Amino acid sequence: MPAVEHTDPDGVDFGWVMQVTFVTTILVGSPIVAVASIPLTLSTWTARALFAVRVGAVVWFLTAIGVYLYARYRR
């Protein structure tokens, strides 16, 4: 099998979008979740985990939309 050295995707490269979304969400989303949790009383680990998942999902979605729009604009 020949080695694949490069790709030429039609339109937006969704692999790049997902990689950048993952890294950006970790770097930007973690502090957002931490700061958003400060005024709340999260007494159990379950409450903390559910809060992180709910807020993290919104951050992930907004980041993915932003990265996709950026990739589409740059294409």
PDB file of N, CA and C in Angstrom:
ATOM      1  N   MET A   1       0.840  -1.176   0.000  1.00  0.00           N
ATOM      2  CA  MET A   1       0.000   0.000   0.000  1.00  0.00           C
ATOM      3  C   MET A   1       0.889   1.243   0.000  1.00  0.00           C
ATOM      4  N   PRO A   2       0.596   2.217  -0.848  1.00  0.00           N
ATOM      5  CA  PRO A   2       1.391   3.434  -0.848  1.00  0.00           C
ATOM      6  C   PRO A   2       1.083   4.287   0.382  1.00  0.00           C
ATOM      7  N   ALA A   3       2.100   4.984   0.859  1.00  0.00           N
ATOM      8  CA  ALA A   3       1.930   5.848   2.023  1.00  0.00           C
ATOM      9  C   ALA A   3       1.128   7.092   1.635  1.00  0.00           C
ATOM     10  N   VAL A   4       0.274   7.513   2.526  1.00  0.00           N
ATOM     11  CA  VAL A   4      -0.505   8.735   2.312  1.00  0.00           C
ATOM     12  C   VAL A   4       0.267   9.871   2.962  1.00  0.00           C
ATOM     13  N   GLU A   5       0.738  10.785   2.165  1.00  0.00           N
ATOM     14  CA  GLU A   5       1.554  11.875   2.688  1.00  0.00           C
ATOM     15  C   GLU A   5       0.780  13.169   2.865  1.00  0.00           C
ATOM     16  N   HIS A   6      -0.270  13.348   2.105  1.00  0.00           N
ATOM     17  CA  HIS A   6      -1.072  14.555   2.249  1.00  0.00           C
ATOM     18  C   HIS A   6      -2.489  14.269   1.752  1.00  0.00           C
ATOM     19  N   THR A   7      -3.400  15.130   2.163  1.00  0.00           N
ATOM     20  CA  THR A   7      -4.775  15.013   1.719  1.00  0.00           C
ATOM     21  C   THR A   7      -5.193  16.316   1.072  1.00  0.00           C
ATOM     22  N   ASP A   8      -6.207  16.258   0.280  1.00  0.00           N
ATOM     23  CA  ASP A   8      -6.767  17.443  -0.354  1.00  0.00           C
ATOM     24  C   ASP A   8      -8.285  17.383  -0.194  1.00  0.00           C
ATOM     25  N   PRO A   9      -8.767  17.730   1.016  1.00  0.00           N
ATOM     26  CA  PRO A   9     -10.204  17.614   1.251  1.00  0.00           C
ATOM     27  C   PRO A   9     -10.980  18.660   0.451  1.00  0.00           C
ATOM     28  N   ASP A  10     -12.154  18.272   0.024  1.00  0.00           N
ATOM     29  CA  ASP A  10     -13.054  19.217  -0.631  1.00  0.00           C
ATOM     30  C   ASP A  10     -13.790  19.995   0.450  1.00  0.00           C
ATOM     31  N   GLY A  11     -13.654  21.282   0.446  1.00  0.00           N
ATOM     32  CA  GLY A  11     -14.331  22.095   1.447  1.00  0.00           C
ATOM     33  C   GLY A  11     -13.537  22.142   2.739  1.00  0.00           C
ATOM     34  N   VAL A  12     -14.237  21.987   3.833  1.00  0.00           N
ATOM     35  CA  VAL A  12     -13.644  22.103   5.167  1.00  0.00           C
ATOM     36  C   VAL A  12     -13.023  20.772   5.572  1.00  0.00           C
ATOM     37  N   ASP A  13     -11.827  20.816   6.136  1.00  0.00           N
ATOM     38  CA  ASP A  13     -11.148  19.633   6.662  1.00  0.00           C
ATOM     39  C   ASP A  13     -11.681  19.357   8.070  1.00  0.00           C
ATOM     40  N   PHE A  14     -12.612  18.421   8.182  1.00  0.00           N
ATOM     41  CA  PHE A  14     -13.267  18.171   9.461  1.00  0.00           C
ATOM     42  C   PHE A  14     -12.337  17.541  10.486  1.00  0.00           C
ATOM     43  N   GLY A  15     -11.310  16.838  10.045  1.00  0.00           N
ATOM     44  CA  GLY A  15     -10.312  16.317  10.982  1.00  0.00           C
ATOM     45  C   GLY A  15      -9.599  17.449  11.690  1.00  0.00           C
ATOM     46  N   TRP A  16      -9.220  18.479  10.930  1.00  0.00           N
ATOM     47  CA  TRP A  16      -8.565  19.652  11.520  1.00  0.00           C
ATOM     48  C   TRP A  16      -9.527  20.367  12.467  1.00  0.00           C
ATOM     49  N   VAL A  17     -10.783  20.485  12.052  1.00  0.00           N
ATOM     50  CA  VAL A  17     -11.776  21.168  12.890  1.00  0.00           C
ATOM     51  C   VAL A  17     -11.919  20.445  14.225  1.00  0.00           C
ATOM     52  N   MET A  18     -11.996  19.121  14.207  1.00  0.00           N
ATOM     53  CA  MET A  18     -12.161  18.378  15.456  1.00  0.00           C
ATOM     54  C   MET A  18     -10.927  18.464  16.342  1.00  0.00           C
ATOM     55  N   GLN A  19      -9.731  18.400  15.734  1.00  0.00           N
ATOM     56  CA  GLN A  19      -8.504  18.511  16.525  1.00  0.00           C
ATOM     57  C   GLN A  19      -8.387  19.874  17.176  1.00  0.00           C
ATOM     58  N   VAL A  20      -8.637  20.921  16.418  1.00  0.00           N
ATOM     59  CA  VAL A  20      -8.539  22.275  16.969  1.00  0.00           C
ATOM     60  C   VAL A  20      -9.638  22.511  18.002  1.00  0.00           C
ATOM     61  N   THR A  21     -10.829  21.971  17.759  1.00  0.00           N
ATOM     62  CA  THR A  21     -11.913  22.095  18.733  1.00  0.00           C
ATOM     63  C   THR A  21     -11.526  21.424  20.045  1.00  0.00           C
ATOM     64  N   PHE A  22     -10.941  20.240  19.973  1.00  0.00           N
ATOM     65  CA  PHE A  22     -10.546  19.523  21.180  1.00  0.00           C
ATOM     66  C   PHE A  22      -9.525  20.323  21.983  1.00  0.00           C
ATOM     67  N   VAL A  23      -8.463  20.761  21.327  1.00  0.00           N
ATOM     68  CA  VAL A  23      -7.396  21.484  22.025  1.00  0.00           C
ATOM     69  C   VAL A  23      -7.905  22.813  22.568  1.00  0.00           C
ATOM     70  N   THR A  24      -8.662  23.545  21.773  1.00  0.00           N
ATOM     71  CA  THR A  24      -9.170  24.847  22.203  1.00  0.00           C
ATOM     72  C   THR A  24     -10.149  24.696  23.364  1.00  0.00           C
ATOM     73  N   THR A  25     -10.978  23.677  23.315  1.00  0.00           N
ATOM     74  CA  THR A  25     -11.931  23.470  24.406  1.00  0.00           C
ATOM     75  C   THR A  25     -11.213  23.146  25.706  1.00  0.00           C
ATOM     76  N   ILE A  26     -10.162  22.358  25.638  1.00  0.00           N
ATOM     77  CA  ILE A  26      -9.401  22.040  26.853  1.00  0.00           C
ATOM     78  C   ILE A  26      -8.744  23.296  27.401  1.00  0.00           C
ATOM     79  N   LEU A  27      -8.092  24.061  26.533  1.00  0.00           N
ATOM     80  CA  LEU A  27      -7.351  25.241  26.987  1.00  0.00           C
ATOM     81  C   LEU A  27      -8.258  26.377  27.442  1.00  0.00           C
ATOM     82  N   VAL A  28      -9.356  26.585  26.746  1.00  0.00           N
ATOM     83  CA  VAL A  28     -10.240  27.709  27.066  1.00  0.00           C
ATOM     84  C   VAL A  28     -11.412  27.265  27.937  1.00  0.00           C
ATOM     85  N   GLY A  29     -11.922  26.080  27.682  1.00  0.00           N
ATOM     86  CA  GLY A  29     -13.109  25.620  28.386  1.00  0.00           C
ATOM     87  C   GLY A  29     -12.895  25.274  29.847  1.00  0.00           C
ATOM     88  N   SER A  30     -11.744  24.719  30.180  1.00  0.00           N
ATOM     89  CA  SER A  30     -11.474  24.353  31.580  1.00  0.00           C
ATOM     90  C   SER A  30     -11.526  25.561  32.505  1.00  0.00           C
ATOM     91  N   PRO A  31     -10.853  26.665  32.167  1.00  0.00           N
ATOM     92  CA  PRO A  31     -10.986  27.840  33.034  1.00  0.00           C
ATOM     93  C   PRO A  31     -12.412  28.392  33.082  1.00  0.00           C
ATOM     94  N   ILE A  32     -13.144  28.310  31.981  1.00  0.00           N
ATOM     95  CA  ILE A  32     -14.524  28.798  31.982  1.00  0.00           C
ATOM     96  C   ILE A  32     -15.378  27.983  32.941  1.00  0.00           C
ATOM     97  N   VAL A  33     -15.231  26.673  32.907  1.00  0.00           N
ATOM     98  CA  VAL A  33     -15.988  25.805  33.819  1.00  0.00           C
ATOM     99  C   VAL A  33     -15.586  26.085  35.266  1.00  0.00           C
ATOM    100  N   ALA A  34     -14.303  26.254  35.504  1.00  0.00           N
ATOM    101  CA  ALA A  34     -13.834  26.517  36.878  1.00  0.00           C
ATOM    102  C   ALA A  34     -14.377  27.846  37.404  1.00  0.00           C
ATOM    103  N   VAL A  35     -14.316  28.882  36.587  1.00  0.00           N
ATOM    104  CA  VAL A  35     -14.805  30.198  37.024  1.00  0.00           C
ATOM    105  C   VAL A  35     -16.324  30.177  37.190  1.00  0.00           C
ATOM    106  N   ALA A  36     -17.021  29.488  36.302  1.00  0.00           N
ATOM    107  CA  ALA A  36     -18.478  29.415  36.399  1.00  0.00           C
ATOM    108  C   ALA A  36     -18.932  28.660  37.641  1.00  0.00           C
ATOM    109  N   SER A  37     -18.092  27.789  38.166  1.00  0.00           N
ATOM    110  CA  SER A  37     -18.487  26.998  39.339  1.00  0.00           C
ATOM    111  C   SER A  37     -18.225  27.721  40.660  1.00  0.00           C
ATOM    112  N   ILE A  38     -17.525  28.831  40.633  1.00  0.00           N
ATOM    113  CA  ILE A  38     -17.168  29.520  41.882  1.00  0.00           C
ATOM    114  C   ILE A  38     -18.395  29.959  42.689  1.00  0.00           C
ATOM    115  N   PRO A  39     -19.378  30.626  42.088  1.00  0.00           N
ATOM    116  CA  PRO A  39     -20.499  31.085  42.920  1.00  0.00           C
ATOM    117  C   PRO A  39     -21.487  29.993  43.318  1.00  0.00           C
ATOM    118  N   LEU A  40     -21.321  28.784  42.826  1.00  0.00           N
ATOM    119  CA  LEU A  40     -22.267  27.709  43.105  1.00  0.00           C
ATOM    120  C   LEU A  40     -21.806  26.834  44.259  1.00  0.00           C
ATOM    121  N   THR A  41     -22.769  26.224  44.918  1.00  0.00           N
ATOM    122  CA  THR A  41     -22.470  25.251  45.957  1.00  0.00           C
ATOM    123  C   THR A  41     -22.680  23.864  45.366  1.00  0.00           C
ATOM    124  N   LEU A  42     -21.586  23.219  45.056  1.00  0.00           N
ATOM    125  CA  LEU A  42     -21.634  21.869  44.497  1.00  0.00           C
ATOM    126  C   LEU A  42     -21.097  20.928  45.566  1.00  0.00           C
ATOM    127  N   SER A  43     -22.019  20.374  46.348  1.00  0.00           N
ATOM    128  CA  SER A  43     -21.626  19.650  47.558  1.00  0.00           C
ATOM    129  C   SER A  43     -21.168  18.215  47.307  1.00  0.00           C
ATOM    130  N   THR A  44     -21.597  17.610  46.216  1.00  0.00           N
ATOM    131  CA  THR A  44     -21.206  16.221  45.960  1.00  0.00           C
ATOM    132  C   THR A  44     -20.401  16.132  44.670  1.00  0.00           C
ATOM    133  N   TRP A  45     -19.682  15.023  44.537  1.00  0.00           N
ATOM    134  CA  TRP A  45     -18.916  14.808  43.308  1.00  0.00           C
ATOM    135  C   TRP A  45     -19.835  14.635  42.113  1.00  0.00           C
ATOM    136  N   THR A  46     -21.008  14.073  42.350  1.00  0.00           N
ATOM    137  CA  THR A  46     -21.976  13.919  41.267  1.00  0.00           C
ATOM    138  C   THR A  46     -22.437  15.279  40.765  1.00  0.00           C
ATOM    139  N   ALA A  47     -22.724  16.182  41.677  1.00  0.00           N
ATOM    140  CA  ALA A  47     -23.150  17.531  41.289  1.00  0.00           C
ATOM    141  C   ALA A  47     -22.037  18.247  40.528  1.00  0.00           C
ATOM    142  N   ARG A  48     -20.808  18.081  40.980  1.00  0.00           N
ATOM    143  CA  ARG A  48     -19.676  18.706  40.288  1.00  0.00           C
ATOM    144  C   ARG A  48     -19.502  18.155  38.882  1.00  0.00           C
ATOM    145  N   ALA A  49     -19.609  16.830  38.752  1.00  0.00           N
ATOM    146  CA  ALA A  49     -19.442  16.191  37.446  1.00  0.00           C
ATOM    147  C   ALA A  49     -20.559  16.604  36.495  1.00  0.00           C
ATOM    148  N   LEU A  50     -21.796  16.610  36.983  1.00  0.00           N
ATOM    149  CA  LEU A  50     -22.915  17.001  36.126  1.00  0.00           C
ATOM    150  C   LEU A  50     -22.801  18.457  35.690  1.00  0.00           C
ATOM    151  N   PHE A  51     -22.351  19.321  36.581  1.00  0.00           N
ATOM    152  CA  PHE A  51     -22.146  20.720  36.233  1.00  0.00           C
ATOM    153  C   PHE A  51     -21.066  20.850  35.162  1.00  0.00           C
ATOM    154  N   ALA A  52     -19.968  20.154  35.344  1.00  0.00           N
ATOM    155  CA  ALA A  52     -18.869  20.224  34.373  1.00  0.00           C
ATOM    156  C   ALA A  52     -19.306  19.701  33.009  1.00  0.00           C
ATOM    157  N   VAL A  53     -20.110  18.655  32.997  1.00  0.00           N
ATOM    158  CA  VAL A  53     -20.584  18.104  31.727  1.00  0.00           C
ATOM    159  C   VAL A  53     -21.541  19.076  31.044  1.00  0.00           C
ATOM    160  N   ARG A  54     -22.460  19.656  31.810  1.00  0.00           N
ATOM    161  CA  ARG A  54     -23.426  20.585  31.218  1.00  0.00           C
ATOM    162  C   ARG A  54     -22.738  21.829  30.655  1.00  0.00           C
ATOM    163  N   VAL A  55     -21.896  22.448  31.430  1.00  0.00           N
ATOM    164  CA  VAL A  55     -21.208  23.659  30.971  1.00  0.00           C
ATOM    165  C   VAL A  55     -20.191  23.302  29.887  1.00  0.00           C
ATOM    166  N   GLY A  56     -19.476  22.205  30.068  1.00  0.00           N
ATOM    167  CA  GLY A  56     -18.492  21.784  29.081  1.00  0.00           C
ATOM    168  C   GLY A  56     -19.112  21.474  27.738  1.00  0.00           C
ATOM    169  N   ALA A  57     -20.312  20.918  27.730  1.00  0.00           N
ATOM    170  CA  ALA A  57     -20.992  20.616  26.467  1.00  0.00           C
ATOM    171  C   ALA A  57     -21.321  21.892  25.706  1.00  0.00           C
ATOM    172  N   VAL A  58     -21.760  22.909  26.414  1.00  0.00           N
ATOM    173  CA  VAL A  58     -22.060  24.193  25.771  1.00  0.00           C
ATOM    174  C   VAL A  58     -20.777  24.825  25.233  1.00  0.00           C
ATOM    175  N   VAL A  59     -19.722  24.785  26.026  1.00  0.00           N
ATOM    176  CA  VAL A  59     -18.441  25.340  25.582  1.00  0.00           C
ATOM    177  C   VAL A  59     -17.935  24.578  24.364  1.00  0.00           C
ATOM    178  N   TRP A  60     -18.020  23.246  24.385  1.00  0.00           N
ATOM    179  CA  TRP A  60     -17.567  22.425  23.264  1.00  0.00           C
ATOM    180  C   TRP A  60     -18.358  22.783  21.994  1.00  0.00           C
ATOM    181  N   PHE A  61     -19.672  22.882  22.116  1.00  0.00           N
ATOM    182  CA  PHE A  61     -20.520  23.187  20.965  1.00  0.00           C
ATOM    183  C   PHE A  61     -20.192  24.560  20.383  1.00  0.00           C
ATOM    184  N   LEU A  62     -20.080  25.567  21.230  1.00  0.00           N
ATOM    185  CA  LEU A  62     -19.769  26.915  20.745  1.00  0.00           C
ATOM    186  C   LEU A  62     -18.371  26.975  20.126  1.00  0.00           C
ATOM    187  N   THR A  63     -17.428  26.266  20.715  1.00  0.00           N
ATOM    188  CA  THR A  63     -16.076  26.227  20.155  1.00  0.00           C
ATOM    189  C   THR A  63     -16.083  25.538  18.797  1.00  0.00           C
ATOM    190  N   ALA A  64     -16.801  24.432  18.683  1.00  0.00           N
ATOM    191  CA  ALA A  64     -16.863  23.708  17.405  1.00  0.00           C
ATOM    192  C   ALA A  64     -17.484  24.573  16.313  1.00  0.00           C
ATOM    193  N   ILE A  65     -18.537  25.289  16.639  1.00  0.00           N
ATOM    194  CA  ILE A  65     -19.161  26.181  15.656  1.00  0.00           C
ATOM    195  C   ILE A  65     -18.179  27.269  15.234  1.00  0.00           C
ATOM    196  N   GLY A  66     -17.500  27.862  16.201  1.00  0.00           N
ATOM    197  CA  GLY A  66     -16.528  28.911  15.888  1.00  0.00           C
ATOM    198  C   GLY A  66     -15.372  28.414  15.032  1.00  0.00           C
ATOM    199  N   VAL A  67     -14.829  27.258  15.362  1.00  0.00           N
ATOM    200  CA  VAL A  67     -13.711  26.701  14.594  1.00  0.00           C
ATOM    201  C   VAL A  67     -14.166  26.332  13.188  1.00  0.00           C
ATOM    202  N   TYR A  68     -15.356  25.763  13.071  1.00  0.00           N
ATOM    203  CA  TYR A  68     -15.880  25.412  11.749  1.00  0.00           C
ATOM    204  C   TYR A  68     -16.060  26.663  10.884  1.00  0.00           C
ATOM    205  N   LEU A  69     -16.635  27.701  11.464  1.00  0.00           N
ATOM    206  CA  LEU A  69     -16.842  28.938  10.701  1.00  0.00           C
ATOM    207  C   LEU A  69     -15.512  29.554  10.307  1.00  0.00           C
ATOM    208  N   TYR A  70     -14.531  29.481  11.194  1.00  0.00           N
ATOM    209  CA  TYR A  70     -13.192  29.981  10.854  1.00  0.00           C
ATOM    210  C   TYR A  70     -12.593  29.189   9.698  1.00  0.00           C
ATOM    211  N   ALA A  71     -12.701  27.858   9.767  1.00  0.00           N
ATOM    212  CA  ALA A  71     -12.136  27.015   8.699  1.00  0.00           C
ATOM    213  C   ALA A  71     -12.857  27.268   7.380  1.00  0.00           C
ATOM    214  N   ARG A  72     -14.142  27.465   7.443  1.00  0.00           N
ATOM    215  CA  ARG A  72     -14.909  27.747   6.227  1.00  0.00           C
ATOM    216  C   ARG A  72     -14.553  29.109   5.655  1.00  0.00           C
ATOM    217  N   TYR A  73     -14.351  30.092   6.523  1.00  0.00           N
ATOM    218  CA  TYR A  73     -13.955  31.429   6.079  1.00  0.00           C
ATOM    219  C   TYR A  73     -12.573  31.415   5.441  1.00  0.00           C
ATOM    220  N   ARG A  74     -11.639  30.680   6.050  1.00  0.00           N
ATOM    221  CA  ARG A  74     -10.261  30.624   5.540  1.00  0.00           C
ATOM    222  C   ARG A  74     -10.157  29.791   4.263  1.00  0.00           C
ATOM    223  N   ARG A  75     -11.128  28.935   4.005  1.00  0.00           N
ATOM    224  CA  ARG A  75     -11.095  28.085   2.807  1.00  0.00           C
ATOM    225  C   ARG A  75     -11.478  28.918   1.655  1.00  0.00           C
TER     226      ARG A  75
END
